[in-house]
Amino acid sequence: MTDLTARSDLRPTDLNSRDTFYWLCQLDKASTVMTVEEGIAPRDVGARTAAAIAKVASDAEAPGADRPTDYLQVEPLVRRLVGPDSSRIHSGRSRQDMLPTVYRLLLRDRLVLVHRGLGELRAGLLTLAERYGSAIVPAYTNGVQAQPTTFGHLLLGYEATLRRSALRLTEAYPRVNLCPLGAAALATSSFPVDRMRLAELLGFDAPVQNSFDAAQLSPIDVGFEVAASAMTLALSIGTFIQDVHAQYHHARPWITLDNADLLSPSTLMPQKRNPVALNRARLLASEVIGDGVSTALAAHNVCSGLTDYKRAEAQRTLDRTIALLGEVNAIVGGLRLDEEAALDEVRSDYSTTSELANVLQRDSDIPFHVGHRFASALVTYGRGGGLTVERLDFAEAKRLYREIAVEFGIVGDELPMTEAQFRAALDPVAMVASYRGLGGPQPAEFQRMLAAAQEAVRADTSWIDSVAGRLSAAEAAMEASFGELAG
């Protein structure tokens, strides 16, 4: 099978160094290059300023070094080495446009990592789906066993929800990757600031066109858009986690975690193997949703220009999303299906009896409502006697059918099927094989959907690879221009 997992040079641990201080220094680098190119700062001043920025950035990499997050604290570090001339790179610039720019850069890194983690999760689910494509399992509605299906079919369903989240992230990325820098406080300035060049140096696709929007409005909707996408993803993951967690209510679960790192013993009860990884993932999913709500509330009923919505709520939402995906990827890697236990669970209940009504209508032209009433009566009889589907008495089934047929005035009140046909209609393997609808678990449909899902993961992986490649190239190009200036 083709490797569907995502690859990237950027890792979650890199976020520790690619922090607000790092990006403030990157903004200084871009501004230095641009102001020298535009003649706003003389080249010799730009060279000395560039050397000072490089030293400040390097010094901050030492263990325990201070990494200030307010530009009012960063700027004096450069000025101390250069003097007041260093302020020339700040011409036509304000914390009001710098902060939204840093905000987007922090989100951009995290969007890449979320997309990577989500691609890994989808690929992991598809690997399991391929392994268990024909394994019969029970499925539930209203918390009660409903129709039998296959584990592969369920896993493809989970992947489909995650694919929509990947699409939302993909669609959000171009709106995130626009540059506010050069908007000044909100109306630009009289300096010939080249906003296109600033965007290019920092790896943005283009500037945010309207300078008022760039500095004062866009942080609201852009931040919430990515937070909302993360919230939606957390909702889907939460359903998956809860469906797995429900297995641990059973004495014989058919979905289990076989990695000891995902489990924890009880200090009192020796029989317990608590699925703590599921607990951690569920809590993280709840926290992602809570952080996303905070992102909205911070911007709710706030005048433009205030700092309420220019903080780290959306960034924190994505940080937790990255942690959530790491946890769930470990869970999927340790997930195993007990196929025999799953099939026994299906056979211990009556979810196949709906097929009786289908067979009676399809093969004997008995209206579905009549067949449904017959099947329901059969369930009541079987459960009342403590019988499984396989132990239902065929003679009693025929008697119940006669009663229902008389009630509905059916001509010919004998059950129109042999005992072999009756048993076959109640067999879960045969029932799943008989499905015909688009998107069902039958082999042909499963293979079609699996192939489409695998291709979608490959396409999304290719997209994020190209994004990462462009960002890496832009960063290298800016470092080259800056390095040339700094000598």
Protein backbone atom coordinates (compact mmCIF):
# COMPACT_ATOMS: atom_id res chain seq x y z
CA MET A 1 0.00 0.00 0.00
CA THR A 2 1.21 3.52 -0.76
CA ASP A 3 2.47 5.43 2.29
CA LEU A 4 -0.20 8.03 3.00
CA THR A 5 1.38 9.66 6.05
CA ALA A 6 2.35 13.30 5.83
CA ARG A 7 5.92 14.57 6.02
CA SER A 8 7.24 17.97 7.01
CA ASP A 9 10.42 19.59 8.24
CA LEU A 10 8.32 21.52 10.77
CA ARG A 11 7.65 19.66 14.03
CA PRO A 12 5.45 20.61 17.02
CA THR A 13 8.59 21.05 19.14
CA ASP A 14 9.78 23.74 16.70
CA LEU A 15 6.98 26.00 17.92
CA ASN A 16 8.94 26.61 21.12
CA SER A 17 11.58 28.52 19.15
CA ARG A 18 9.27 29.90 16.45
CA ASP A 19 7.54 32.06 19.04
CA THR A 20 6.45 35.70 19.11
CA PHE A 21 10.01 36.88 19.70
CA TYR A 22 11.26 34.86 16.71
CA TRP A 23 8.65 36.36 14.42
CA LEU A 24 9.26 39.91 15.67
CA CYS A 25 12.89 39.40 14.67
CA GLN A 26 11.77 38.04 11.29
CA LEU A 27 9.63 41.14 10.79
CA ASP A 28 12.65 43.28 11.61
CA LYS A 29 14.69 41.36 9.05
CA ALA A 30 12.06 41.82 6.35
CA SER A 31 11.65 45.52 7.19
CA THR A 32 15.41 46.05 7.10
CA VAL A 33 15.73 44.51 3.65
CA MET A 34 12.73 46.42 2.30
CA THR A 35 13.66 49.85 3.75
CA VAL A 36 17.17 49.60 2.29
CA GLU A 37 15.79 48.53 -1.10
CA GLU A 38 13.36 51.47 -1.10
CA GLY A 39 15.91 54.01 0.12
CA ILE A 40 14.06 54.63 3.37
CA ALA A 41 17.17 53.57 5.28
CA PRO A 42 20.73 54.10 3.96
CA ARG A 43 22.51 50.88 3.15
CA ASP A 44 25.21 51.38 5.79
CA VAL A 45 22.55 51.93 8.45
CA GLY A 46 20.65 48.89 7.18
CA ALA A 47 23.84 46.81 7.36
CA ARG A 48 24.57 47.82 10.95
CA THR A 49 20.93 47.30 11.92
CA ALA A 50 20.88 43.88 10.25
CA ALA A 51 23.99 42.82 12.15
CA ALA A 52 22.40 43.99 15.40
CA ILE A 53 19.14 42.10 14.70
CA ALA A 54 21.13 38.95 13.96
CA LYS A 55 23.01 39.30 17.27
CA VAL A 56 19.84 39.94 19.27
CA ALA A 57 18.20 36.90 17.70
CA SER A 58 21.29 34.75 18.30
CA ASP A 59 21.71 35.86 21.93
CA ALA A 60 18.08 34.91 22.66
CA GLU A 61 18.79 31.30 21.67
CA ALA A 62 20.99 30.79 24.73
CA PRO A 63 19.43 28.65 27.49
CA GLY A 64 17.42 30.80 29.86
CA ALA A 65 17.74 33.91 27.68
CA ASP A 66 14.90 36.40 27.69
CA ARG A 67 12.61 36.34 24.66
CA PRO A 68 10.36 39.40 24.98
CA THR A 69 7.00 39.37 23.24
CA ASP A 70 6.38 43.13 23.12
CA TYR A 71 8.19 45.08 20.41
CA LEU A 72 8.71 47.92 22.88
CA GLN A 73 11.08 45.51 24.65
CA VAL A 74 12.69 44.13 21.48
CA GLU A 75 13.44 47.45 19.78
CA PRO A 76 15.74 48.79 22.57
CA LEU A 77 17.93 45.66 22.25
CA VAL A 78 18.70 46.60 18.63
CA ARG A 79 18.95 50.34 19.36
CA ARG A 80 21.52 49.69 22.07
CA LEU A 81 23.84 48.22 19.41
CA VAL A 82 23.15 50.70 16.60
CA GLY A 83 21.78 53.88 18.11
CA PRO A 84 18.69 55.80 17.01
CA ASP A 85 19.38 55.10 13.32
CA SER A 86 18.01 51.59 13.86
CA SER A 87 14.54 53.13 14.12
CA ARG A 88 14.63 53.87 10.38
CA ILE A 89 13.46 50.29 9.73
CA HIS A 90 10.34 51.13 11.73
CA SER A 91 9.36 53.88 9.27
CA GLY A 92 5.75 53.43 8.20
CA ARG A 93 5.33 50.60 10.70
CA SER A 94 3.41 50.25 13.97
CA ARG A 95 2.75 47.66 16.59
CA GLN A 96 -0.78 47.87 15.20
CA ASP A 97 0.26 46.17 11.95
CA MET A 98 3.12 44.16 13.42
CA LEU A 99 0.93 42.33 15.93
CA PRO A 100 -1.64 41.07 13.36
CA THR A 101 1.28 39.99 11.16
CA VAL A 102 2.88 37.98 13.96
CA TYR A 103 -0.58 36.61 14.79
CA ARG A 104 -0.96 35.25 11.25
CA LEU A 105 2.57 33.82 11.17
CA LEU A 106 1.94 31.95 14.42
CA LEU A 107 -1.34 30.63 13.02
CA ARG A 108 0.31 29.69 9.73
CA ASP A 109 2.87 27.42 11.40
CA ARG A 110 0.14 25.78 13.41
CA LEU A 111 -2.15 25.34 10.43
CA VAL A 112 0.61 23.43 8.67
CA LEU A 113 1.10 21.18 11.72
CA VAL A 114 -2.63 20.61 12.21
CA HIS A 115 -2.96 19.68 8.55
CA ARG A 116 0.00 17.29 8.92
CA GLY A 117 -1.43 15.64 12.01
CA LEU A 118 -4.85 15.36 10.42
CA GLY A 119 -3.34 13.75 7.33
CA GLU A 120 -1.58 11.20 9.53
CA LEU A 121 -4.83 10.47 11.35
CA ARG A 122 -6.79 9.98 8.15
CA ALA A 123 -4.09 7.72 6.74
CA GLY A 124 -4.10 5.68 9.95
CA LEU A 125 -7.85 5.20 9.79
CA LEU A 126 -7.61 4.10 6.17
CA THR A 127 -4.91 1.57 7.05
CA LEU A 128 -7.25 0.09 9.67
CA ALA A 129 -10.17 0.22 7.24
CA GLU A 130 -8.22 -1.76 4.67
CA ARG A 131 -7.22 -4.32 7.32
CA TYR A 132 -10.77 -4.78 8.63
CA GLY A 133 -12.73 -4.06 5.47
CA SER A 134 -15.03 -7.09 5.76
CA ALA A 135 -15.15 -7.52 9.55
CA ILE A 136 -18.79 -7.48 10.73
CA VAL A 137 -19.51 -5.13 13.66
CA PRO A 138 -22.64 -3.74 15.30
CA ALA A 139 -23.58 -0.10 14.69
CA TYR A 140 -25.83 1.98 16.89
CA THR A 141 -28.56 4.60 16.77
CA ASN A 142 -30.06 6.13 19.90
CA GLY A 143 -27.47 4.14 21.82
CA VAL A 144 -29.08 0.85 20.73
CA GLN A 145 -27.77 -1.72 18.25
CA ALA A 146 -29.24 -0.81 14.85
CA GLN A 147 -27.82 -2.38 11.67
CA PRO A 148 -24.80 -4.60 11.24
CA THR A 149 -22.06 -3.15 9.08
CA THR A 150 -18.31 -3.61 8.69
CA PHE A 151 -15.57 -1.98 10.72
CA GLY A 152 -14.00 -0.79 7.49
CA HIS A 153 -17.25 0.97 6.57
CA LEU A 154 -17.36 2.78 9.93
CA LEU A 155 -13.74 3.84 9.66
CA LEU A 156 -14.35 5.26 6.18
CA GLY A 157 -17.20 7.25 7.71
CA TYR A 158 -14.93 8.73 10.36
CA GLU A 159 -12.35 9.57 7.70
CA ALA A 160 -15.01 11.33 5.64
CA THR A 161 -15.76 13.70 8.52
CA LEU A 162 -12.05 14.41 8.95
CA ARG A 163 -11.69 15.00 5.21
CA ARG A 164 -14.21 17.82 5.47
CA SER A 165 -12.15 19.34 8.27
CA ALA A 166 -9.06 19.09 6.09
CA LEU A 167 -10.95 20.92 3.34
CA ARG A 168 -11.93 23.69 5.77
CA LEU A 169 -8.30 24.09 6.81
CA THR A 170 -7.19 24.14 3.18
CA GLU A 171 -9.77 26.79 2.36
CA ALA A 172 -8.80 28.88 5.41
CA TYR A 173 -5.08 28.86 4.62
CA PRO A 174 -5.14 31.44 1.74
CA ARG A 175 -7.05 33.85 3.98
CA VAL A 176 -4.55 33.38 6.80
CA ASN A 177 -1.55 33.73 4.50
CA LEU A 178 -2.08 37.43 3.67
CA CYS A 179 0.24 40.07 5.11
CA PRO A 180 -0.91 43.06 7.23
CA LEU A 181 2.59 44.51 7.55
CA GLY A 182 3.04 48.01 6.15
CA ALA A 183 -0.52 49.07 6.99
CA ALA A 184 0.94 51.11 9.88
CA ALA A 185 -1.72 51.86 12.48
CA LEU A 186 -4.53 51.53 9.92
CA ALA A 187 -4.01 54.01 7.05
CA THR A 188 -0.41 53.36 5.87
CA SER A 189 2.07 56.29 5.92
CA SER A 190 3.89 58.78 3.72
CA PHE A 191 6.92 56.48 3.45
CA PRO A 192 7.21 54.40 0.25
CA VAL A 193 6.71 51.11 2.09
CA ASP A 194 6.59 48.23 -0.39
CA ARG A 195 3.91 46.01 1.12
CA MET A 196 4.20 43.49 -1.70
CA ARG A 197 7.88 43.04 -0.94
CA LEU A 198 7.24 42.62 2.78
CA ALA A 199 4.65 39.95 2.02
CA GLU A 200 7.08 38.17 -0.31
CA LEU A 201 9.94 38.24 2.22
CA LEU A 202 7.76 36.73 4.94
CA GLY A 203 6.29 34.00 2.69
CA PHE A 204 2.81 35.50 2.42
CA ASP A 205 0.85 35.15 -0.80
CA ALA A 206 0.00 38.87 -0.89
CA PRO A 207 -0.78 41.83 1.39
CA VAL A 208 -4.19 42.33 2.98
CA GLN A 209 -5.50 44.95 0.57
CA ASN A 210 -7.34 47.40 2.81
CA SER A 211 -4.97 48.77 5.46
CA PHE A 212 -7.75 49.39 8.01
CA ASP A 213 -8.92 45.80 7.56
CA ALA A 214 -5.31 44.57 7.73
CA ALA A 215 -4.49 46.13 11.07
CA GLN A 216 -7.82 46.38 12.86
CA LEU A 217 -10.48 44.03 11.47
CA SER A 218 -8.97 40.92 9.93
CA PRO A 219 -7.64 39.45 13.20
CA ILE A 220 -11.25 38.92 14.28
CA ASP A 221 -12.62 36.78 11.47
CA VAL A 222 -9.33 35.20 10.37
CA GLY A 223 -8.56 34.05 13.91
CA PHE A 224 -12.04 32.74 14.50
CA GLU A 225 -12.17 30.97 11.14
CA VAL A 226 -9.21 28.76 12.00
CA ALA A 227 -10.46 28.32 15.58
CA ALA A 228 -13.87 27.30 14.28
CA SER A 229 -12.29 24.80 11.88
CA ALA A 230 -10.39 23.34 14.83
CA MET A 231 -13.58 23.19 16.89
CA THR A 232 -15.37 21.29 14.12
CA LEU A 233 -12.46 18.87 13.91
CA ALA A 234 -12.57 18.38 17.69
CA LEU A 235 -16.30 17.59 17.50
CA SER A 236 -15.66 14.84 14.95
CA ILE A 237 -12.73 13.44 16.90
CA GLY A 238 -14.80 13.55 20.08
CA THR A 239 -17.45 11.30 18.53
CA PHE A 240 -14.79 8.81 17.45
CA ILE A 241 -13.19 8.81 20.91
CA GLN A 242 -16.53 8.28 22.64
CA ASP A 243 -17.44 5.42 20.30
CA VAL A 244 -14.18 3.69 21.18
CA HIS A 245 -14.52 4.52 24.87
CA ALA A 246 -17.98 2.95 24.99
CA GLN A 247 -16.30 -0.40 24.28
CA TYR A 248 -14.78 -0.36 27.75
CA HIS A 249 -18.26 -0.69 29.23
CA HIS A 250 -18.36 -4.25 27.90
CA ALA A 251 -16.93 -7.33 29.56
CA ARG A 252 -15.79 -8.40 26.10
CA PRO A 253 -15.01 -5.29 24.05
CA TRP A 254 -14.39 -5.82 20.35
CA ILE A 255 -12.38 -2.61 19.92
CA THR A 256 -9.37 -2.45 22.22
CA LEU A 257 -6.09 -0.59 22.71
CA ASP A 258 -3.17 -3.00 22.80
CA ASN A 259 -0.43 -0.47 23.53
CA ALA A 260 0.45 -0.39 27.23
CA ASP A 261 1.33 3.31 26.97
CA LEU A 262 -2.33 4.05 26.24
CA LEU A 263 -3.61 2.23 29.34
CA SER A 264 -3.21 2.58 33.09
CA PRO A 265 -3.95 0.15 35.94
CA SER A 266 -6.12 0.94 38.94
CA THR A 267 -4.55 1.43 42.36
CA LEU A 268 -7.39 -0.63 43.90
CA MET A 269 -8.98 -2.89 41.29
CA PRO A 270 -6.50 -5.32 39.71
CA GLN A 271 -8.77 -6.21 36.79
CA LYS A 272 -8.84 -2.69 35.37
CA ARG A 273 -6.88 -1.40 32.41
CA ASN A 274 -8.10 2.17 32.18
CA PRO A 275 -7.93 3.66 28.63
CA VAL A 276 -6.29 6.87 29.83
CA ALA A 277 -5.28 7.92 26.31
CA LEU A 278 -8.97 8.15 25.45
CA ASN A 279 -9.54 10.28 28.54
CA ARG A 280 -6.70 12.62 27.59
CA ALA A 281 -7.94 12.94 24.02
CA ARG A 282 -11.53 13.60 25.10
CA LEU A 283 -10.38 16.36 27.48
CA LEU A 284 -8.20 17.93 24.80
CA ALA A 285 -11.13 17.90 22.37
CA SER A 286 -13.26 19.71 24.97
CA GLU A 287 -10.48 22.23 25.57
CA VAL A 288 -10.13 22.91 21.84
CA ILE A 289 -13.83 23.72 21.71
CA GLY A 290 -13.54 25.89 24.82
CA ASP A 291 -10.57 27.77 23.38
CA GLY A 292 -12.48 28.35 20.15
CA VAL A 293 -15.40 29.82 22.06
CA SER A 294 -12.94 32.07 23.90
CA THR A 295 -11.67 33.29 20.53
CA ALA A 296 -15.17 34.40 19.62
CA LEU A 297 -15.93 35.93 23.01
CA ALA A 298 -12.71 37.96 23.02
CA ALA A 299 -13.85 39.68 19.82
CA HIS A 300 -17.54 39.89 20.65
CA ASN A 301 -18.98 43.41 21.04
CA VAL A 302 -15.54 45.05 20.89
CA CYS A 303 -14.75 48.25 19.01
CA SER A 304 -12.16 47.96 16.25
CA GLY A 305 -8.63 48.87 17.30
CA LEU A 306 -8.75 47.39 20.78
CA THR A 307 -6.37 44.65 21.89
CA ASP A 308 -9.02 42.16 23.07
CA TYR A 309 -9.03 40.15 19.84
CA LYS A 310 -5.30 40.51 19.10
CA ARG A 311 -4.18 38.00 21.66
CA ALA A 312 -3.46 34.28 21.54
CA GLU A 313 -6.89 32.62 21.72
CA ALA A 314 -6.84 31.18 18.19
CA GLN A 315 -3.18 30.24 18.54
CA ARG A 316 -3.95 28.38 21.77
CA THR A 317 -6.86 26.61 20.04
CA LEU A 318 -4.49 25.28 17.38
CA ASP A 319 -1.82 24.38 19.95
CA ARG A 320 -4.31 22.13 21.71
CA THR A 321 -5.49 20.77 18.36
CA ILE A 322 -1.93 19.70 17.57
CA ALA A 323 -1.72 17.96 20.95
CA LEU A 324 -5.13 16.35 20.35
CA LEU A 325 -4.07 14.97 16.99
CA GLY A 326 -0.88 13.58 18.51
CA GLU A 327 -2.92 11.75 21.14
CA VAL A 328 -5.47 10.39 18.68
CA ASN A 329 -2.80 9.26 16.23
CA ALA A 330 -1.29 7.18 19.04
CA ILE A 331 -4.73 5.74 19.80
CA VAL A 332 -5.36 4.77 16.17
CA GLY A 333 -1.89 3.20 16.01
CA GLY A 334 -2.80 1.00 18.98
CA LEU A 335 -6.35 0.15 17.92
CA ARG A 336 -7.24 -3.50 17.39
CA LEU A 337 -10.48 -5.26 16.49
CA ASP A 338 -11.59 -8.61 17.93
CA GLU A 339 -13.58 -9.76 14.91
CA GLU A 340 -15.07 -12.77 16.65
CA ALA A 341 -16.27 -10.72 19.62
CA ALA A 342 -17.83 -8.13 17.28
CA LEU A 343 -19.70 -10.79 15.31
CA ASP A 344 -20.88 -12.46 18.53
CA GLU A 345 -22.21 -9.10 19.72
CA VAL A 346 -24.23 -8.72 16.52
CA ARG A 347 -25.61 -12.23 16.87
CA SER A 348 -26.54 -11.68 20.51
CA ASP A 349 -29.11 -9.04 19.52
CA TYR A 350 -31.78 -8.66 16.85
CA SER A 351 -30.37 -6.06 14.46
CA THR A 352 -30.69 -8.44 11.50
CA THR A 353 -34.47 -8.83 11.83
CA SER A 354 -35.11 -5.80 9.62
CA GLU A 355 -33.78 -7.91 6.76
CA LEU A 356 -36.77 -10.25 7.23
CA ALA A 357 -39.07 -7.40 6.23
CA ASN A 358 -36.83 -6.60 3.26
CA VAL A 359 -36.78 -10.22 2.05
CA LEU A 360 -40.54 -10.63 2.44
CA GLN A 361 -41.21 -7.54 0.31
CA ARG A 362 -38.50 -8.24 -2.25
CA ASP A 363 -39.15 -11.94 -2.75
CA SER A 364 -42.82 -12.40 -1.83
CA ASP A 365 -44.39 -8.96 -2.39
CA ILE A 366 -45.39 -8.64 1.28
CA PRO A 367 -45.71 -4.91 2.16
CA PHE A 368 -42.82 -3.66 4.28
CA HIS A 369 -45.10 -2.58 7.12
CA VAL A 370 -46.46 -6.09 7.44
CA GLY A 371 -42.99 -7.59 7.42
CA HIS A 372 -41.85 -5.01 9.96
CA ARG A 373 -44.71 -5.91 12.31
CA PHE A 374 -43.85 -9.58 11.95
CA ALA A 375 -40.17 -8.98 12.68
CA SER A 376 -41.04 -6.83 15.69
CA ALA A 377 -43.30 -9.54 17.09
CA LEU A 378 -40.51 -12.04 16.56
CA VAL A 379 -38.11 -9.84 18.56
CA THR A 380 -40.58 -9.51 21.41
CA TYR A 381 -41.00 -13.28 21.49
CA GLY A 382 -37.28 -13.99 21.35
CA ARG A 383 -36.24 -11.48 23.98
CA GLY A 384 -39.06 -12.63 26.23
CA GLY A 385 -37.69 -16.14 26.08
CA GLY A 386 -34.06 -15.13 26.47
CA LEU A 387 -33.27 -16.42 22.99
CA THR A 388 -30.65 -15.21 20.54
CA VAL A 389 -31.50 -14.77 16.87
CA GLU A 390 -29.91 -18.09 16.01
CA ARG A 391 -32.09 -19.93 18.57
CA LEU A 392 -35.44 -18.60 17.34
CA ASP A 393 -37.91 -21.41 16.76
CA PHE A 394 -39.04 -21.55 13.13
CA ALA A 395 -42.41 -23.07 14.02
CA GLU A 396 -43.08 -20.16 16.39
CA ALA A 397 -42.03 -17.74 13.67
CA LYS A 398 -44.61 -19.24 11.32
CA ARG A 399 -47.29 -18.97 14.01
CA LEU A 400 -46.51 -15.29 14.61
CA TYR A 401 -46.60 -14.60 10.89
CA ARG A 402 -50.05 -16.18 10.59
CA GLU A 403 -51.36 -13.86 13.31
CA ILE A 404 -49.92 -10.79 11.60
CA ALA A 405 -51.20 -11.92 8.18
CA VAL A 406 -54.74 -12.34 9.53
CA GLU A 407 -54.55 -8.91 11.20
CA PHE A 408 -53.66 -7.26 7.86
CA GLY A 409 -55.95 -9.45 5.73
CA ILE A 410 -53.08 -11.00 3.79
CA VAL A 411 -54.24 -13.68 1.35
CA GLY A 412 -52.33 -16.83 2.16
CA ASP A 413 -51.31 -16.62 5.79
CA GLU A 414 -48.33 -18.99 5.68
CA LEU A 415 -44.85 -17.53 6.03
CA PRO A 416 -43.59 -17.51 2.41
CA MET A 417 -40.06 -18.73 3.09
CA THR A 418 -38.32 -21.95 4.03
CA GLU A 419 -36.42 -22.37 7.26
CA ALA A 420 -33.16 -22.11 5.32
CA GLN A 421 -34.30 -18.82 3.81
CA PHE A 422 -35.44 -17.64 7.24
CA ARG A 423 -32.03 -18.41 8.78
CA ALA A 424 -30.19 -16.81 5.86
CA ALA A 425 -32.20 -13.60 6.22
CA LEU A 426 -31.12 -13.37 9.86
CA ASP A 427 -27.43 -13.99 9.18
CA PRO A 428 -25.39 -10.75 9.62
CA VAL A 429 -22.73 -11.73 7.09
CA ALA A 430 -25.38 -12.41 4.44
CA MET A 431 -27.25 -9.23 5.38
CA VAL A 432 -24.19 -7.01 4.93
CA ALA A 433 -23.38 -8.72 1.62
CA SER A 434 -26.93 -8.00 0.43
CA TYR A 435 -26.65 -4.22 0.82
CA ARG A 436 -27.01 -2.38 -2.48
CA GLY A 437 -27.13 1.32 -1.67
CA LEU A 438 -24.56 3.93 -2.62
CA GLY A 439 -22.03 4.34 0.17
CA GLY A 440 -22.84 1.06 1.90
CA PRO A 441 -20.41 -1.51 3.34
CA GLN A 442 -20.75 -4.05 0.51
CA PRO A 443 -17.33 -4.92 -0.97
CA ALA A 444 -17.64 -3.02 -4.25
CA GLU A 445 -18.77 0.19 -2.54
CA PHE A 446 -16.19 -0.18 0.21
CA GLN A 447 -13.37 -0.51 -2.30
CA ARG A 448 -14.63 2.46 -4.30
CA MET A 449 -14.80 4.70 -1.21
CA LEU A 450 -11.47 3.45 0.12
CA ALA A 451 -9.71 4.29 -3.14
CA ALA A 452 -11.30 7.76 -3.22
CA ALA A 453 -10.30 8.41 0.39
CA GLN A 454 -6.72 7.29 -0.22
CA GLU A 455 -6.48 9.57 -3.24
CA ALA A 456 -7.86 12.48 -1.20
CA VAL A 457 -5.20 11.94 1.49
CA ARG A 458 -2.49 11.84 -1.16
CA ALA A 459 -3.79 15.05 -2.73
CA ASP A 460 -3.95 16.84 0.62
CA THR A 461 -0.47 15.62 1.51
CA SER A 462 0.82 16.92 -1.81
CA TRP A 463 -0.86 20.27 -1.18
CA ILE A 464 0.63 20.76 2.27
CA ASP A 465 4.03 19.60 0.96
CA SER A 466 3.85 22.33 -1.68
CA VAL A 467 2.82 24.91 0.93
CA ALA A 468 5.69 23.89 3.20
CA GLY A 469 8.08 24.00 0.26
CA ARG A 470 7.04 27.51 -0.70
CA LEU A 471 7.34 28.73 2.89
CA SER A 472 10.76 27.14 3.25
CA ALA A 473 11.94 28.71 -0.01
CA ALA A 474 10.64 32.14 1.00
CA GLU A 475 12.35 31.93 4.38
CA ALA A 476 15.63 30.89 2.76
CA ALA A 477 15.39 33.73 0.24
CA MET A 478 14.77 36.30 2.95
CA GLU A 479 17.64 34.98 5.06
CA ALA A 480 19.89 35.21 1.99
CA SER A 481 18.89 38.85 1.33
CA PHE A 482 19.20 39.71 5.00
CA GLY A 483 22.51 37.87 5.35
CA GLU A 484 23.95 39.70 2.37
CA LEU A 485 22.97 42.99 3.97
CA ALA A 486 24.30 42.02 7.40
CA GLY A 487 27.59 40.86 5.91
